[in-house]
Amino acid sequence: MSSSRREPFPDLHDACGATADGAAWLASAGTCPGGTLACWRERPQAPAVLPCGSVFDVVSAPALFGRRLVDRLWDEGPGSGPVALFRGRMLLFAAPGTAQRLPSLVRWEEEYGRSGAIPPLLCHGHGDAVTVPGPLGGATSPTSRWLVAPDTLRPWLPGAEILLWAAVRAARAAVRISIFPPADQGAKVYDVSRRR
């Protein structure tokens, strides 16, 4: 980092927090980036409400499925952009336009594909806003923290096709296949644990 540029968070060294460049990238989504950065200088763990659609979109998934989705992105794919956990939802930061395109791709996949059931994904794009953890999210609250913190001024963000690919694989992995037929619902059950 060049010494001519003022460091917004000179003492920010938390491994699970956003870097100064990552915080600047997040703040750039708002209408007053300087105000957001000033607030974070005072309270770096404070969440902020940021608009979606120009700098990033956000795909919100249930926490367990979101974790499977992120695992697929990192284990079998290109990785992910920033990812946060906020109040039981996994927030995946995606390329602008993803929120508009992903729901139709998921519907098509569920109708014509052979994937398992993909749980409802909430897609936040143009006209929406989301609450994100502060740069040191997680320092005071385990329900609001970064799993993959933003670390550059221009992070790579997955698009709709990559997120669909990961969601399909995560849904397939969640489906358990049994070689045994389902139990007969009308069968009598005997307690053999009390035999002599």
Protein backbone atom coordinates (compact mmCIF):
# COMPACT_ATOMS: atom_id res chain seq x y z
CA MET A 1 0.00 0.00 0.00
CA SER A 2 1.43 3.40 -0.91
CA SER A 3 2.41 5.69 1.96
CA SER A 4 0.93 8.74 0.20
CA ARG A 5 -2.59 7.43 0.65
CA ARG A 6 -4.13 7.78 4.09
CA GLU A 7 -4.86 4.44 5.73
CA PRO A 8 -8.52 4.35 6.91
CA PHE A 9 -7.82 1.71 9.57
CA PRO A 10 -4.12 1.84 10.46
CA ASP A 11 -4.46 -0.57 13.39
CA LEU A 12 -6.72 -3.11 11.67
CA HIS A 13 -4.94 -6.46 11.92
CA ASP A 14 -7.78 -8.89 12.64
CA ALA A 15 -7.40 -11.98 10.44
CA CYS A 16 -11.18 -12.43 10.09
CA GLY A 17 -11.88 -8.76 9.41
CA ALA A 18 -11.83 -6.67 6.28
CA THR A 19 -8.66 -4.91 5.25
CA ALA A 20 -8.61 -1.14 4.81
CA ASP A 21 -9.05 -1.58 1.05
CA GLY A 22 -11.90 -4.04 1.65
CA ALA A 23 -13.66 -1.58 3.96
CA ALA A 24 -13.22 1.17 1.35
CA TRP A 25 -14.72 -1.12 -1.31
CA LEU A 26 -17.74 -1.88 0.89
CA ALA A 27 -18.23 1.80 1.74
CA SER A 28 -18.05 2.74 -1.95
CA ALA A 29 -21.46 1.13 -2.45
CA GLY A 30 -23.14 3.76 -0.26
CA THR A 31 -24.15 7.31 -1.07
CA CYS A 32 -21.67 8.70 1.48
CA PRO A 33 -18.58 6.46 1.55
CA GLY A 34 -16.65 8.94 3.69
CA GLY A 35 -19.36 8.91 6.34
CA THR A 36 -19.45 5.11 6.44
CA LEU A 37 -15.66 4.95 6.79
CA ALA A 38 -15.75 7.60 9.55
CA CYS A 39 -18.37 5.55 11.42
CA TRP A 40 -16.23 2.42 11.04
CA ARG A 41 -13.15 4.26 12.33
CA GLU A 42 -15.06 4.94 15.55
CA ARG A 43 -16.76 1.53 15.73
CA PRO A 44 -15.12 -0.99 13.35
CA GLN A 45 -17.43 -3.79 14.51
CA ALA A 46 -20.65 -1.85 13.76
CA PRO A 47 -22.85 -3.25 10.96
CA ALA A 48 -23.88 -0.94 8.12
CA VAL A 49 -26.78 -0.86 5.68
CA LEU A 50 -25.46 -0.65 2.13
CA PRO A 51 -27.30 -0.47 -1.20
CA CYS A 52 -26.94 -3.27 -3.73
CA GLY A 53 -26.87 -3.15 -7.50
CA SER A 54 -23.97 -0.91 -8.47
CA VAL A 55 -20.87 -2.23 -6.67
CA PHE A 56 -22.23 -5.67 -5.73
CA ASP A 57 -25.36 -7.79 -5.45
CA VAL A 58 -25.93 -10.09 -2.47
CA VAL A 59 -27.37 -13.59 -2.50
CA SER A 60 -28.68 -14.57 0.94
CA ALA A 61 -28.99 -18.28 1.72
CA PRO A 62 -29.97 -20.23 4.84
CA ALA A 63 -26.79 -20.70 6.90
CA LEU A 64 -26.38 -24.47 6.48
CA PHE A 65 -27.04 -24.48 2.73
CA GLY A 66 -24.95 -21.33 2.36
CA ARG A 67 -22.03 -23.11 4.01
CA ARG A 68 -22.38 -26.02 1.56
CA LEU A 69 -22.53 -23.51 -1.29
CA VAL A 70 -19.35 -21.76 -0.16
CA ASP A 71 -17.63 -25.13 0.32
CA ARG A 72 -18.48 -26.07 -3.28
CA LEU A 73 -17.18 -22.74 -4.55
CA TRP A 74 -13.84 -23.24 -2.78
CA ASP A 75 -13.41 -27.03 -3.10
CA GLU A 76 -14.49 -27.51 -6.72
CA GLY A 77 -14.76 -24.06 -8.26
CA PRO A 78 -13.13 -20.68 -8.58
CA GLY A 79 -13.63 -19.60 -4.95
CA SER A 80 -15.98 -16.90 -3.78
CA GLY A 81 -16.09 -13.19 -3.31
CA PRO A 82 -16.68 -11.80 0.18
CA VAL A 83 -19.01 -13.90 2.35
CA ALA A 84 -20.63 -12.85 5.63
CA LEU A 85 -22.84 -14.51 8.19
CA PHE A 86 -25.59 -12.20 9.42
CA ARG A 87 -28.41 -13.34 11.72
CA GLY A 88 -28.60 -16.91 10.50
CA ARG A 89 -28.19 -16.13 6.80
CA MET A 90 -25.12 -16.51 4.62
CA LEU A 91 -24.53 -13.40 2.50
CA LEU A 92 -22.60 -14.11 -0.69
CA PHE A 93 -21.42 -10.98 -2.48
CA ALA A 94 -21.92 -11.36 -6.23
CA ALA A 95 -21.40 -9.42 -9.42
CA PRO A 96 -23.96 -6.67 -10.13
CA GLY A 97 -26.85 -8.12 -12.15
CA THR A 98 -26.73 -11.51 -10.41
CA ALA A 99 -29.88 -10.81 -8.37
CA GLN A 100 -31.87 -10.24 -11.54
CA ARG A 101 -30.62 -13.34 -13.37
CA LEU A 102 -30.15 -16.02 -10.68
CA PRO A 103 -33.83 -16.63 -9.73
CA SER A 104 -34.80 -17.53 -13.31
CA LEU A 105 -31.78 -19.83 -13.64
CA VAL A 106 -32.71 -21.61 -10.40
CA ARG A 107 -36.34 -22.01 -11.57
CA TRP A 108 -35.17 -23.43 -14.89
CA GLU A 109 -32.79 -25.86 -13.16
CA GLU A 110 -35.48 -27.05 -10.77
CA GLU A 111 -37.97 -27.54 -13.60
CA TYR A 112 -35.69 -29.15 -16.19
CA GLY A 113 -32.59 -30.22 -14.28
CA ARG A 114 -31.94 -33.12 -11.99
CA SER A 115 -30.75 -31.21 -8.96
CA GLY A 116 -31.98 -31.67 -5.44
CA ALA A 117 -34.19 -28.99 -3.99
CA ILE A 118 -32.38 -25.68 -3.77
CA PRO A 119 -33.69 -23.77 -0.74
CA PRO A 120 -35.04 -20.28 -1.34
CA LEU A 121 -32.24 -17.86 -2.14
CA LEU A 122 -32.96 -14.20 -1.47
CA CYS A 123 -31.39 -12.11 -4.21
CA HIS A 124 -30.68 -8.45 -3.44
CA GLY A 125 -29.89 -6.20 -6.38
CA HIS A 126 -30.71 -2.76 -7.73
CA GLY A 127 -33.10 -0.95 -5.37
CA ASP A 128 -32.35 -3.25 -2.41
CA ALA A 129 -30.13 -2.72 0.61
CA VAL A 130 -28.52 -5.21 2.98
CA THR A 131 -27.02 -5.02 6.45
CA VAL A 132 -23.40 -6.13 6.44
CA PRO A 133 -20.97 -6.65 9.31
CA GLY A 134 -18.46 -3.90 10.00
CA PRO A 135 -14.81 -4.38 9.05
CA LEU A 136 -14.23 -6.15 12.38
CA GLY A 137 -17.55 -7.98 12.28
CA GLY A 138 -17.52 -10.87 14.73
CA ALA A 139 -15.37 -9.12 17.31
CA THR A 140 -18.41 -8.66 19.53
CA SER A 141 -21.14 -10.74 17.87
CA PRO A 142 -20.88 -14.32 16.57
CA THR A 143 -24.10 -13.83 14.56
CA SER A 144 -22.57 -11.04 12.47
CA ARG A 145 -19.15 -11.82 11.05
CA TRP A 146 -17.07 -12.21 7.92
CA LEU A 147 -16.27 -15.71 6.68
CA VAL A 148 -14.43 -14.38 3.62
CA ALA A 149 -13.69 -10.73 4.35
CA PRO A 150 -13.23 -8.18 1.57
CA ASP A 151 -9.55 -7.46 1.16
CA THR A 152 -9.09 -5.43 -2.02
CA LEU A 153 -10.57 -2.41 -3.76
CA ARG A 154 -11.78 -4.68 -6.57
CA PRO A 155 -12.59 -8.18 -5.29
CA TRP A 156 -13.56 -10.92 -7.70
CA LEU A 157 -17.33 -11.51 -7.53
CA PRO A 158 -19.07 -14.62 -8.88
CA GLY A 159 -21.93 -14.21 -11.33
CA ALA A 160 -25.28 -15.97 -11.58
CA GLU A 161 -24.00 -18.96 -13.56
CA ILE A 162 -21.23 -19.76 -11.06
CA LEU A 163 -23.60 -19.46 -8.10
CA LEU A 164 -26.15 -21.69 -9.87
CA TRP A 165 -23.43 -24.29 -10.53
CA ALA A 166 -22.44 -24.28 -6.84
CA ALA A 167 -26.08 -24.33 -5.63
CA VAL A 168 -26.90 -27.35 -7.80
CA ARG A 169 -23.88 -29.25 -6.49
CA ALA A 170 -24.64 -28.27 -2.89
CA ALA A 171 -28.25 -29.43 -3.29
CA ARG A 172 -27.17 -32.73 -4.85
CA ALA A 173 -24.73 -33.35 -2.02
CA ALA A 174 -27.50 -32.81 0.53
CA VAL A 175 -29.67 -35.54 -1.02
CA ARG A 176 -29.05 -38.90 0.58
CA ILE A 177 -29.56 -41.94 -1.60
CA SER A 178 -30.47 -45.21 0.12
CA ILE A 179 -30.23 -48.73 -1.32
CA PHE A 180 -32.92 -49.87 1.08
CA PRO A 181 -36.60 -49.47 0.19
CA PRO A 182 -38.64 -47.09 2.35
CA ALA A 183 -40.17 -48.62 5.46
CA ASP A 184 -43.71 -49.92 5.15
CA GLN A 185 -45.83 -47.32 6.93
CA GLY A 186 -48.53 -49.90 7.82
CA ALA A 187 -46.12 -52.48 9.26
CA LYS A 188 -46.42 -53.54 12.88
CA VAL A 189 -43.43 -52.71 15.04
CA TYR A 190 -42.49 -54.98 17.91
CA ASP A 191 -40.25 -54.02 20.81
CA VAL A 192 -37.71 -56.83 20.94
CA SER A 193 -35.52 -55.16 23.54
CA ARG A 194 -37.54 -56.75 26.37
CA ARG A 195 -37.06 -60.35 25.23
CA ARG A 196 -35.80 -62.84 27.76
